[in-house]
Amino acid sequence: MHAKYAERGLSILAFPCNQFGSQEPGTHEQIKQYARSYNVKFDLFSKINVNGPEAHALWKWLKEQPKGEGFLGNGIKWNFTKFLIDRQGQVVKRYSPLKDPIMIERDVLKYL
């Protein structure tokens, strides 16, 4: 999706987190190398916490925004939770890690 819509203004920001089954145990460089093996071209930030008292300020703010369909509570339940943010910086939708990217793409197109 990034390659397809970056020129139209889509930015994808990835934040590795090791709080979910220890899926991101590596260093920042190891995580970047792994992502490169999948030809990832979007922005990949340093590993952070998204839940708990050490949660990054961005994620604290994201979790305070309106919940998406089927969300109970505001905690991040698993890696790959996604947020769609419009050009004005407002969260317009939150997606579970299992949401089909095709469905997300339809929403993204509304905001490009």
PDB file of N, CA and C in Angstrom:
ATOM      1  N   MET A   1       0.828  -1.182   0.000  1.00  0.00           N
ATOM      2  CA  MET A   1       0.000   0.000   0.000  1.00  0.00           C
ATOM      3  C   MET A   1       0.883   1.261   0.000  1.00  0.00           C
ATOM      4  N   HIS A   2       1.979   1.203   0.728  1.00  0.00           N
ATOM      5  CA  HIS A   2       2.877   2.353   0.769  1.00  0.00           C
ATOM      6  C   HIS A   2       3.402   2.677  -0.621  1.00  0.00           C
ATOM      7  N   ALA A   3       3.903   1.674  -1.321  1.00  0.00           N
ATOM      8  CA  ALA A   3       4.447   1.897  -2.664  1.00  0.00           C
ATOM      9  C   ALA A   3       3.375   2.422  -3.608  1.00  0.00           C
ATOM     10  N   LYS A   4       2.182   1.969  -3.444  1.00  0.00           N
ATOM     11  CA  LYS A   4       1.090   2.323  -4.332  1.00  0.00           C
ATOM     12  C   LYS A   4       0.594   3.753  -4.134  1.00  0.00           C
ATOM     13  N   TYR A   5       0.617   4.245  -2.878  1.00  0.00           N
ATOM     14  CA  TYR A   5      -0.016   5.529  -2.586  1.00  0.00           C
ATOM     15  C   TYR A   5       0.897   6.587  -1.967  1.00  0.00           C
ATOM     16  N   ALA A   6       2.170   6.327  -1.823  1.00  0.00           N
ATOM     17  CA  ALA A   6       3.072   7.307  -1.200  1.00  0.00           C
ATOM     18  C   ALA A   6       3.066   8.633  -1.956  1.00  0.00           C
ATOM     19  N   GLU A   7       3.058   8.582  -3.261  1.00  0.00           N
ATOM     20  CA  GLU A   7       3.076   9.817  -4.050  1.00  0.00           C
ATOM     21  C   GLU A   7       1.792  10.621  -3.893  1.00  0.00           C
ATOM     22  N   ARG A   8       0.727   9.982  -3.429  1.00  0.00           N
ATOM     23  CA  ARG A   8      -0.545  10.690  -3.196  1.00  0.00           C
ATOM     24  C   ARG A   8      -0.661  11.176  -1.754  1.00  0.00           C
ATOM     25  N   GLY A   9       0.375  10.916  -0.947  1.00  0.00           N
ATOM     26  CA  GLY A   9       0.401  11.450   0.395  1.00  0.00           C
ATOM     27  C   GLY A   9       0.307  10.444   1.519  1.00  0.00           C
ATOM     28  N   LEU A  10       0.232   9.155   1.211  1.00  0.00           N
ATOM     29  CA  LEU A  10       0.150   8.151   2.264  1.00  0.00           C
ATOM     30  C   LEU A  10       1.506   7.998   2.954  1.00  0.00           C
ATOM     31  N   SER A  11       1.482   8.056   4.265  1.00  0.00           N
ATOM     32  CA  SER A  11       2.673   7.769   5.071  1.00  0.00           C
ATOM     33  C   SER A  11       2.319   6.631   6.003  1.00  0.00           C
ATOM     34  N   ILE A  12       3.175   5.631   6.042  1.00  0.00           N
ATOM     35  CA  ILE A  12       2.998   4.527   6.973  1.00  0.00           C
ATOM     36  C   ILE A  12       4.141   4.613   7.969  1.00  0.00           C
ATOM     37  N   LEU A  13       3.793   4.599   9.242  1.00  0.00           N
ATOM     38  CA  LEU A  13       4.769   4.683  10.316  1.00  0.00           C
ATOM     39  C   LEU A  13       4.682   3.399  11.125  1.00  0.00           C
ATOM     40  N   ALA A  14       5.781   2.696  11.261  1.00  0.00           N
ATOM     41  CA  ALA A  14       5.806   1.432  12.003  1.00  0.00           C
ATOM     42  C   ALA A  14       6.613   1.608  13.287  1.00  0.00           C
ATOM     43  N   PHE A  15       6.047   1.090  14.378  1.00  0.00           N
ATOM     44  CA  PHE A  15       6.680   1.176  15.683  1.00  0.00           C
ATOM     45  C   PHE A  15       6.813  -0.234  16.256  1.00  0.00           C
ATOM     46  N   PRO A  16       7.977  -0.860  16.131  1.00  0.00           N
ATOM     47  CA  PRO A  16       8.149  -2.193  16.712  1.00  0.00           C
ATOM     48  C   PRO A  16       7.926  -2.157  18.223  1.00  0.00           C
ATOM     49  N   CYS A  17       7.361  -3.246  18.738  1.00  0.00           N
ATOM     50  CA  CYS A  17       7.076  -3.356  20.169  1.00  0.00           C
ATOM     51  C   CYS A  17       7.255  -4.807  20.583  1.00  0.00           C
ATOM     52  N   ASN A  18       7.884  -5.018  21.702  1.00  0.00           N
ATOM     53  CA  ASN A  18       8.149  -6.374  22.172  1.00  0.00           C
ATOM     54  C   ASN A  18       7.189  -6.790  23.290  1.00  0.00           C
ATOM     55  N   GLN A  19       6.072  -6.108  23.437  1.00  0.00           N
ATOM     56  CA  GLN A  19       5.139  -6.390  24.524  1.00  0.00           C
ATOM     57  C   GLN A  19       4.131  -7.488  24.197  1.00  0.00           C
ATOM     58  N   PHE A  20       4.206  -8.079  23.045  1.00  0.00           N
ATOM     59  CA  PHE A  20       3.221  -9.068  22.610  1.00  0.00           C
ATOM     60  C   PHE A  20       3.906 -10.379  22.260  1.00  0.00           C
ATOM     61  N   GLY A  21       3.993 -11.270  23.215  1.00  0.00           N
ATOM     62  CA  GLY A  21       4.619 -12.565  22.975  1.00  0.00           C
ATOM     63  C   GLY A  21       6.089 -12.472  22.633  1.00  0.00           C
ATOM     64  N   SER A  22       6.731 -11.388  23.000  1.00  0.00           N
ATOM     65  CA  SER A  22       8.170 -11.174  22.723  1.00  0.00           C
ATOM     66  C   SER A  22       8.488 -11.369  21.250  1.00  0.00           C
ATOM     67  N   GLN A  23       7.622 -10.819  20.367  1.00  0.00           N
ATOM     68  CA  GLN A  23       7.814 -10.975  18.927  1.00  0.00           C
ATOM     69  C   GLN A  23       8.882 -10.054  18.335  1.00  0.00           C
ATOM     70  N   GLU A  24       9.318  -9.052  19.080  1.00  0.00           N
ATOM     71  CA  GLU A  24      10.336  -8.120  18.578  1.00  0.00           C
ATOM     72  C   GLU A  24      11.510  -8.043  19.554  1.00  0.00           C
ATOM     73  N   PRO A  25      12.201  -9.163  19.800  1.00  0.00           N
ATOM     74  CA  PRO A  25      13.271  -9.146  20.808  1.00  0.00           C
ATOM     75  C   PRO A  25      14.560  -8.487  20.338  1.00  0.00           C
ATOM     76  N   GLY A  26      14.710  -8.293  19.053  1.00  0.00           N
ATOM     77  CA  GLY A  26      15.980  -7.817  18.507  1.00  0.00           C
ATOM     78  C   GLY A  26      16.258  -6.353  18.774  1.00  0.00           C
ATOM     79  N   THR A  27      17.472  -5.964  18.394  1.00  0.00           N
ATOM     80  CA  THR A  27      17.868  -4.561  18.464  1.00  0.00           C
ATOM     81  C   THR A  27      17.196  -3.814  17.319  1.00  0.00           C
ATOM     82  N   HIS A  28      17.307  -2.492  17.364  1.00  0.00           N
ATOM     83  CA  HIS A  28      16.723  -1.689  16.285  1.00  0.00           C
ATOM     84  C   HIS A  28      17.317  -2.091  14.934  1.00  0.00           C
ATOM     85  N   GLU A  29      18.612  -2.276  14.880  1.00  0.00           N
ATOM     86  CA  GLU A  29      19.258  -2.651  13.612  1.00  0.00           C
ATOM     87  C   GLU A  29      18.797  -4.027  13.130  1.00  0.00           C
ATOM     88  N   GLN A  30      18.648  -4.984  14.029  1.00  0.00           N
ATOM     89  CA  GLN A  30      18.161  -6.314  13.642  1.00  0.00           C
ATOM     90  C   GLN A  30      16.734  -6.236  13.100  1.00  0.00           C
ATOM     91  N   ILE A  31      15.909  -5.433  13.727  1.00  0.00           N
ATOM     92  CA  ILE A  31      14.522  -5.272  13.263  1.00  0.00           C
ATOM     93  C   ILE A  31      14.503  -4.614  11.890  1.00  0.00           C
ATOM     94  N   LYS A  32      15.345  -3.593  11.686  1.00  0.00           N
ATOM     95  CA  LYS A  32      15.427  -2.940  10.376  1.00  0.00           C
ATOM     96  C   LYS A  32      15.882  -3.919   9.299  1.00  0.00           C
ATOM     97  N   GLN A  33      16.875  -4.742   9.608  1.00  0.00           N
ATOM     98  CA  GLN A  33      17.358  -5.728   8.629  1.00  0.00           C
ATOM     99  C   GLN A  33      16.258  -6.725   8.281  1.00  0.00           C
ATOM    100  N   TYR A  34      15.524  -7.171   9.269  1.00  0.00           N
ATOM    101  CA  TYR A  34      14.405  -8.090   9.026  1.00  0.00           C
ATOM    102  C   TYR A  34      13.369  -7.433   8.118  1.00  0.00           C
ATOM    103  N   ALA A  35      13.027  -6.187   8.402  1.00  0.00           N
ATOM    104  CA  ALA A  35      12.044  -5.473   7.577  1.00  0.00           C
ATOM    105  C   ALA A  35      12.555  -5.309   6.145  1.00  0.00           C
ATOM    106  N   ARG A  36      13.838  -5.018   5.995  1.00  0.00           N
ATOM    107  CA  ARG A  36      14.413  -4.875   4.650  1.00  0.00           C
ATOM    108  C   ARG A  36      14.287  -6.166   3.850  1.00  0.00           C
ATOM    109  N   SER A  37      14.342  -7.313   4.520  1.00  0.00           N
ATOM    110  CA  SER A  37      14.224  -8.589   3.818  1.00  0.00           C
ATOM    111  C   SER A  37      12.834  -8.742   3.190  1.00  0.00           C
ATOM    112  N   TYR A  38      11.873  -7.936   3.649  1.00  0.00           N
ATOM    113  CA  TYR A  38      10.523  -7.927   3.064  1.00  0.00           C
ATOM    114  C   TYR A  38      10.307  -6.696   2.194  1.00  0.00           C
ATOM    115  N   ASN A  39      11.394  -6.007   1.871  1.00  0.00           N
ATOM    116  CA  ASN A  39      11.370  -4.840   0.995  1.00  0.00           C
ATOM    117  C   ASN A  39      10.534  -3.694   1.577  1.00  0.00           C
ATOM    118  N   VAL A  40      10.545  -3.559   2.891  1.00  0.00           N
ATOM    119  CA  VAL A  40       9.808  -2.485   3.552  1.00  0.00           C
ATOM    120  C   VAL A  40      10.452  -1.149   3.223  1.00  0.00           C
ATOM    121  N   LYS A  41       9.661  -0.194   2.773  1.00  0.00           N
ATOM    122  CA  LYS A  41      10.164   1.130   2.406  1.00  0.00           C
ATOM    123  C   LYS A  41       9.586   2.239   3.286  1.00  0.00           C
ATOM    124  N   PHE A  42       8.590   1.929   4.108  1.00  0.00           N
ATOM    125  CA  PHE A  42       7.991   2.965   4.944  1.00  0.00           C
ATOM    126  C   PHE A  42       8.831   3.203   6.193  1.00  0.00           C
ATOM    127  N   ASP A  43       8.482   4.257   6.939  1.00  0.00           N
ATOM    128  CA  ASP A  43       9.249   4.656   8.109  1.00  0.00           C
ATOM    129  C   ASP A  43       9.136   3.631   9.234  1.00  0.00           C
ATOM    130  N   LEU A  44      10.275   3.182   9.718  1.00  0.00           N
ATOM    131  CA  LEU A  44      10.347   2.221  10.810  1.00  0.00           C
ATOM    132  C   LEU A  44      11.084   2.894  11.962  1.00  0.00           C
ATOM    133  N   PHE A  45      10.378   3.106  13.053  1.00  0.00           N
ATOM    134  CA  PHE A  45      10.937   3.806  14.197  1.00  0.00           C
ATOM    135  C   PHE A  45      11.559   2.827  15.184  1.00  0.00           C
ATOM    136  N   SER A  46      12.193   3.362  16.205  1.00  0.00           N
ATOM    137  CA  SER A  46      12.797   2.527  17.241  1.00  0.00           C
ATOM    138  C   SER A  46      11.723   1.800  18.031  1.00  0.00           C
ATOM    139  N   LYS A  47      12.117   0.689  18.621  1.00  0.00           N
ATOM    140  CA  LYS A  47      11.216  -0.123  19.424  1.00  0.00           C
ATOM    141  C   LYS A  47      10.731   0.690  20.627  1.00  0.00           C
ATOM    142  N   ILE A  48       9.421   0.597  20.901  1.00  0.00           N
ATOM    143  CA  ILE A  48       8.812   1.342  22.007  1.00  0.00           C
ATOM    144  C   ILE A  48       7.818   0.453  22.743  1.00  0.00           C
ATOM    145  N   ASN A  49       7.327   0.948  23.861  1.00  0.00           N
ATOM    146  CA  ASN A  49       6.197   0.328  24.556  1.00  0.00           C
ATOM    147  C   ASN A  49       4.930   1.056  24.147  1.00  0.00           C
ATOM    148  N   VAL A  50       3.864   0.300  23.946  1.00  0.00           N
ATOM    149  CA  VAL A  50       2.586   0.904  23.581  1.00  0.00           C
ATOM    150  C   VAL A  50       1.558   0.797  24.705  1.00  0.00           C
ATOM    151  N   ASN A  51       1.823  -0.051  25.673  1.00  0.00           N
ATOM    152  CA  ASN A  51       0.935  -0.236  26.823  1.00  0.00           C
ATOM    153  C   ASN A  51       1.717  -0.029  28.114  1.00  0.00           C
ATOM    154  N   GLY A  52       0.987   0.184  29.192  1.00  0.00           N
ATOM    155  CA  GLY A  52       1.599   0.286  30.513  1.00  0.00           C
ATOM    156  C   GLY A  52       2.155   1.657  30.810  1.00  0.00           C
ATOM    157  N   PRO A  53       2.765   1.793  31.987  1.00  0.00           N
ATOM    158  CA  PRO A  53       3.262   3.097  32.430  1.00  0.00           C
ATOM    159  C   PRO A  53       4.394   3.647  31.571  1.00  0.00           C
ATOM    160  N   GLU A  54       5.112   2.780  30.871  1.00  0.00           N
ATOM    161  CA  GLU A  54       6.220   3.219  30.012  1.00  0.00           C
ATOM    162  C   GLU A  54       5.794   3.409  28.559  1.00  0.00           C
ATOM    163  N   ALA A  55       4.485   3.418  28.300  1.00  0.00           N
ATOM    164  CA  ALA A  55       3.999   3.601  26.924  1.00  0.00           C
ATOM    165  C   ALA A  55       4.461   4.947  26.376  1.00  0.00           C
ATOM    166  N   HIS A  56       4.829   4.946  25.105  1.00  0.00           N
ATOM    167  CA  HIS A  56       5.243   6.164  24.418  1.00  0.00           C
ATOM    168  C   HIS A  56       4.070   7.140  24.381  1.00  0.00           C
ATOM    169  N   ALA A  57       4.358   8.437  24.467  1.00  0.00           N
ATOM    170  CA  ALA A  57       3.313   9.471  24.488  1.00  0.00           C
ATOM    171  C   ALA A  57       2.395   9.400  23.267  1.00  0.00           C
ATOM    172  N   LEU A  58       2.945   9.087  22.088  1.00  0.00           N
ATOM    173  CA  LEU A  58       2.109   8.974  20.893  1.00  0.00           C
ATOM    174  C   LEU A  58       1.051   7.896  21.083  1.00  0.00           C
ATOM    175  N   TRP A  59       1.449   6.769  21.624  1.00  0.00           N
ATOM    176  CA  TRP A  59       0.511   5.667  21.797  1.00  0.00           C
ATOM    177  C   TRP A  59      -0.481   5.933  22.914  1.00  0.00           C
ATOM    178  N   LYS A  60      -0.065   6.661  23.925  1.00  0.00           N
ATOM    179  CA  LYS A  60      -1.031   7.073  24.953  1.00  0.00           C
ATOM    180  C   LYS A  60      -2.123   7.906  24.307  1.00  0.00           C
ATOM    181  N   TRP A  61      -1.725   8.839  23.445  1.00  0.00           N
ATOM    182  CA  TRP A  61      -2.696   9.695  22.752  1.00  0.00           C
ATOM    183  C   TRP A  61      -3.577   8.874  21.804  1.00  0.00           C
ATOM    184  N   LEU A  62      -2.962   8.000  21.004  1.00  0.00           N
ATOM    185  CA  LEU A  62      -3.733   7.186  20.060  1.00  0.00           C
ATOM    186  C   LEU A  62      -4.812   6.383  20.782  1.00  0.00           C
ATOM    187  N   LYS A  63      -4.472   5.820  21.916  1.00  0.00           N
ATOM    188  CA  LYS A  63      -5.420   4.976  22.649  1.00  0.00           C
ATOM    189  C   LYS A  63      -6.567   5.776  23.259  1.00  0.00           C
ATOM    190  N   GLU A  64      -6.390   7.077  23.405  1.00  0.00           N
ATOM    191  CA  GLU A  64      -7.460   7.927  23.929  1.00  0.00           C
ATOM    192  C   GLU A  64      -8.471   8.313  22.859  1.00  0.00           C
ATOM    193  N   GLN A  65      -8.141   8.092  21.606  1.00  0.00           N
ATOM    194  CA  GLN A  65      -9.007   8.490  20.497  1.00  0.00           C
ATOM    195  C   GLN A  65     -10.194   7.530  20.387  1.00  0.00           C
ATOM    196  N   PRO A  66     -11.211   7.922  19.612  1.00  0.00           N
ATOM    197  CA  PRO A  66     -12.385   7.045  19.476  1.00  0.00           C
ATOM    198  C   PRO A  66     -11.997   5.629  19.078  1.00  0.00           C
ATOM    199  N   LYS A  67     -12.703   4.684  19.656  1.00  0.00           N
ATOM    200  CA  LYS A  67     -12.422   3.270  19.392  1.00  0.00           C
ATOM    201  C   LYS A  67     -12.978   2.856  18.028  1.00  0.00           C
ATOM    202  N   GLY A  68     -12.353   1.887  17.445  1.00  0.00           N
ATOM    203  CA  GLY A  68     -12.845   1.328  16.199  1.00  0.00           C
ATOM    204  C   GLY A  68     -13.923   0.298  16.470  1.00  0.00           C
ATOM    205  N   GLU A  69     -14.461  -0.233  15.410  1.00  0.00           N
ATOM    206  CA  GLU A  69     -15.504  -1.254  15.521  1.00  0.00           C
ATOM    207  C   GLU A  69     -14.974  -2.472  16.256  1.00  0.00           C
ATOM    208  N   GLY A  70     -15.716  -2.942  17.245  1.00  0.00           N
ATOM    209  CA  GLY A  70     -15.375  -4.170  17.936  1.00  0.00           C
ATOM    210  C   GLY A  70     -14.281  -4.039  18.983  1.00  0.00           C
ATOM    211  N   PHE A  71     -13.853  -2.813  19.314  1.00  0.00           N
ATOM    212  CA  PHE A  71     -12.802  -2.638  20.309  1.00  0.00           C
ATOM    213  C   PHE A  71     -13.412  -2.468  21.687  1.00  0.00           C
ATOM    214  N   LEU A  72     -12.915  -3.240  22.629  1.00  0.00           N
ATOM    215  CA  LEU A  72     -13.322  -3.121  24.024  1.00  0.00           C
ATOM    216  C   LEU A  72     -12.149  -2.548  24.788  1.00  0.00           C
ATOM    217  N   GLY A  73     -12.315  -1.391  25.366  1.00  0.00           N
ATOM    218  CA  GLY A  73     -11.216  -0.742  26.061  1.00  0.00           C
ATOM    219  C   GLY A  73     -10.269  -0.089  25.074  1.00  0.00           C
ATOM    220  N   ASN A  74      -9.263   0.578  25.609  1.00  0.00           N
ATOM    221  CA  ASN A  74      -8.371   1.300  24.704  1.00  0.00           C
ATOM    222  C   ASN A  74      -6.976   0.704  24.602  1.00  0.00           C
ATOM    223  N   GLY A  75      -6.686  -0.360  25.329  1.00  0.00           N
ATOM    224  CA  GLY A  75      -5.364  -0.972  25.249  1.00  0.00           C
ATOM    225  C   GLY A  75      -5.098  -1.590  23.888  1.00  0.00           C
ATOM    226  N   ILE A  76      -3.822  -1.686  23.562  1.00  0.00           N
ATOM    227  CA  ILE A  76      -3.418  -2.353  22.330  1.00  0.00           C
ATOM    228  C   ILE A  76      -3.293  -3.834  22.678  1.00  0.00           C
ATOM    229  N   LYS A  77      -4.067  -4.666  21.992  1.00  0.00           N
ATOM    230  CA  LYS A  77      -4.138  -6.088  22.345  1.00  0.00           C
ATOM    231  C   LYS A  77      -3.060  -6.940  21.680  1.00  0.00           C
ATOM    232  N   TRP A  78      -2.570  -6.514  20.508  1.00  0.00           N
ATOM    233  CA  TRP A  78      -1.579  -7.319  19.799  1.00  0.00           C
ATOM    234  C   TRP A  78      -0.857  -6.452  18.779  1.00  0.00           C
ATOM    235  N   ASN A  79       0.346  -6.905  18.367  1.00  0.00           N
ATOM    236  CA  ASN A  79       1.092  -6.210  17.315  1.00  0.00           C
ATOM    237  C   ASN A  79       0.234  -6.014  16.072  1.00  0.00           C
ATOM    238  N   PHE A  80       0.575  -5.033  15.316  1.00  0.00           N
ATOM    239  CA  PHE A  80      -0.047  -4.705  14.035  1.00  0.00           C
ATOM    240  C   PHE A  80      -1.424  -4.070  14.172  1.00  0.00           C
ATOM    241  N   THR A  81      -1.742  -3.512  15.343  1.00  0.00           N
ATOM    242  CA  THR A  81      -2.913  -2.649  15.444  1.00  0.00           C
ATOM    243  C   THR A  81      -2.594  -1.423  14.600  1.00  0.00           C
ATOM    244  N   LYS A  82      -3.572  -0.958  13.847  1.00  0.00           N
ATOM    245  CA  LYS A  82      -3.339   0.145  12.916  1.00  0.00           C
ATOM    246  C   LYS A  82      -4.307   1.287  13.197  1.00  0.00           C
ATOM    247  N   PHE A  83      -3.850   2.504  12.927  1.00  0.00           N
ATOM    248  CA  PHE A  83      -4.675   3.705  13.049  1.00  0.00           C
ATOM    249  C   PHE A  83      -4.611   4.459  11.734  1.00  0.00           C
ATOM    250  N   LEU A  84      -5.749   4.926  11.255  1.00  0.00           N
ATOM    251  CA  LEU A  84      -5.806   5.778  10.071  1.00  0.00           C
ATOM    252  C   LEU A  84      -5.982   7.203  10.573  1.00  0.00           C
ATOM    253  N   ILE A  85      -5.048   8.060  10.191  1.00  0.00           N
ATOM    254  CA  ILE A  85      -5.043   9.451  10.630  1.00  0.00           C
ATOM    255  C   ILE A  85      -5.145  10.328   9.397  1.00  0.00           C
ATOM    256  N   ASP A  86      -6.067  11.297   9.439  1.00  0.00           N
ATOM    257  CA  ASP A  86      -6.268  12.161   8.273  1.00  0.00           C
ATOM    258  C   ASP A  86      -5.198  13.247   8.197  1.00  0.00           C
ATOM    259  N   ARG A  87      -5.274  14.075   7.178  1.00  0.00           N
ATOM    260  CA  ARG A  87      -4.269  15.117   6.944  1.00  0.00           C
ATOM    261  C   ARG A  87      -4.269  16.197   8.023  1.00  0.00           C
ATOM    262  N   GLN A  88      -5.335  16.269   8.800  1.00  0.00           N
ATOM    263  CA  GLN A  88      -5.415  17.237   9.887  1.00  0.00           C
ATOM    264  C   GLN A  88      -4.917  16.649  11.214  1.00  0.00           C
ATOM    265  N   GLY A  89      -4.450  15.409  11.177  1.00  0.00           N
ATOM    266  CA  GLY A  89      -3.905  14.777  12.367  1.00  0.00           C
ATOM    267  C   GLY A  89      -4.948  14.158  13.278  1.00  0.00           C
ATOM    268  N   GLN A  90      -6.140  13.920  12.765  1.00  0.00           N
ATOM    269  CA  GLN A  90      -7.207  13.319  13.549  1.00  0.00           C
ATOM    270  C   GLN A  90      -7.309  11.824  13.252  1.00  0.00           C
ATOM    271  N   VAL A  91      -7.422  11.021  14.302  1.00  0.00           N
ATOM    272  CA  VAL A  91      -7.630   9.590  14.106  1.00  0.00           C
ATOM    273  C   VAL A  91      -9.044   9.397  13.582  1.00  0.00           C
ATOM    274  N   VAL A  92      -9.169   8.765  12.421  1.00  0.00           N
ATOM    275  CA  VAL A  92     -10.493   8.532  11.841  1.00  0.00           C
ATOM    276  C   VAL A  92     -10.931   7.077  11.961  1.00  0.00           C
ATOM    277  N   LYS A  93      -9.970   6.179  12.204  1.00  0.00           N
ATOM    278  CA  LYS A  93     -10.344   4.782  12.350  1.00  0.00           C
ATOM    279  C   LYS A  93      -9.205   3.994  12.971  1.00  0.00           C
ATOM    280  N   ARG A  94      -9.599   2.965  13.704  1.00  0.00           N
ATOM    281  CA  ARG A  94      -8.644   2.043  14.313  1.00  0.00           C
ATOM    282  C   ARG A  94      -8.962   0.645  13.814  1.00  0.00           C
ATOM    283  N   TYR A  95      -7.912  -0.138  13.524  1.00  0.00           N
ATOM    284  CA  TYR A  95      -8.090  -1.466  12.958  1.00  0.00           C
ATOM    285  C   TYR A  95      -7.398  -2.516  13.822  1.00  0.00           C
ATOM    286  N   SER A  96      -8.028  -3.648  13.929  1.00  0.00           N
ATOM    287  CA  SER A  96      -7.418  -4.768  14.646  1.00  0.00           C
ATOM    288  C   SER A  96      -6.284  -5.344  13.803  1.00  0.00           C
ATOM    289  N   PRO A  97      -5.385  -6.088  14.431  1.00  0.00           N
ATOM    290  CA  PRO A  97      -4.296  -6.711  13.677  1.00  0.00           C
ATOM    291  C   PRO A  97      -4.784  -7.680  12.607  1.00  0.00           C
ATOM    292  N   LEU A  98      -5.990  -8.178  12.751  1.00  0.00           N
ATOM    293  CA  LEU A  98      -6.516  -9.169  11.809  1.00  0.00           C
ATOM    294  C   LEU A  98      -7.296  -8.562  10.641  1.00  0.00           C
ATOM    295  N   LYS A  99      -7.475  -7.249  10.640  1.00  0.00           N
ATOM    296  CA  LYS A  99      -8.263  -6.596   9.589  1.00  0.00           C
ATOM    297  C   LYS A  99      -7.596  -6.788   8.234  1.00  0.00           C
ATOM    298  N   ASP A 100      -8.376  -7.193   7.253  1.00  0.00           N
ATOM    299  CA  ASP A 100      -7.894  -7.417   5.897  1.00  0.00           C
ATOM    300  C   ASP A 100      -7.385  -6.097   5.308  1.00  0.00           C
ATOM    301  N   PRO A 101      -6.133  -6.063   4.842  1.00  0.00           N
ATOM    302  CA  PRO A 101      -5.588  -4.828   4.264  1.00  0.00           C
ATOM    303  C   PRO A 101      -6.430  -4.263   3.113  1.00  0.00           C
ATOM    304  N   ILE A 102      -7.132  -5.095   2.395  1.00  0.00           N
ATOM    305  CA  ILE A 102      -8.000  -4.611   1.311  1.00  0.00           C
ATOM    306  C   ILE A 102      -9.064  -3.674   1.881  1.00  0.00           C
ATOM    307  N   MET A 103      -9.609  -4.013   3.037  1.00  0.00           N
ATOM    308  CA  MET A 103     -10.621  -3.168   3.671  1.00  0.00           C
ATOM    309  C   MET A 103     -10.005  -1.858   4.153  1.00  0.00           C
ATOM    310  N   ILE A 104      -8.789  -1.921   4.649  1.00  0.00           N
ATOM    311  CA  ILE A 104      -8.104  -0.709   5.094  1.00  0.00           C
ATOM    312  C   ILE A 104      -7.817   0.188   3.893  1.00  0.00           C
ATOM    313  N   GLU A 105      -7.398  -0.404   2.796  1.00  0.00           N
ATOM    314  CA  GLU A 105      -7.093   0.365   1.587  1.00  0.00           C
ATOM    315  C   GLU A 105      -8.311   1.158   1.134  1.00  0.00           C
ATOM    316  N   ARG A 106      -9.476   0.581   1.207  1.00  0.00           N
ATOM    317  CA  ARG A 106     -10.700   1.299   0.819  1.00  0.00           C
ATOM    318  C   ARG A 106     -10.874   2.563   1.654  1.00  0.00           C
ATOM    319  N   ASP A 107     -10.606   2.459   2.951  1.00  0.00           N
ATOM    320  CA  ASP A 107     -10.716   3.628   3.823  1.00  0.00           C
ATOM    321  C   ASP A 107      -9.637   4.650   3.520  1.00  0.00           C
ATOM    322  N   VAL A 108      -8.408   4.187   3.288  1.00  0.00           N
ATOM    323  CA  VAL A 108      -7.298   5.084   2.994  1.00  0.00           C
ATOM    324  C   VAL A 108      -7.630   5.950   1.786  1.00  0.00           C
ATOM    325  N   LEU A 109      -8.203   5.362   0.766  1.00  0.00           N
ATOM    326  CA  LEU A 109      -8.507   6.089  -0.461  1.00  0.00           C
ATOM    327  C   LEU A 109      -9.450   7.267  -0.219  1.00  0.00           C
ATOM    328  N   LYS A 110     -10.289   7.183   0.788  1.00  0.00           N
ATOM    329  CA  LYS A 110     -11.218   8.277   1.109  1.00  0.00           C
ATOM    330  C   LYS A 110     -10.476   9.520   1.603  1.00  0.00           C
ATOM    331  N   TYR A 111      -9.272   9.338   2.133  1.00  0.00           N
ATOM    332  CA  TYR A 111      -8.546  10.434   2.762  1.00  0.00           C
ATOM    333  C   TYR A 111      -7.333  10.924   1.986  1.00  0.00           C
ATOM    334  N   LEU A 112      -7.035  10.331   0.850  1.00  0.00           N
ATOM    335  CA  LEU A 112      -5.889  10.776   0.061  1.00  0.00           C
ATOM    336  C   LEU A 112      -6.251  11.977  -0.794  1.00  0.00           C
TER     337      LEU A 112
END
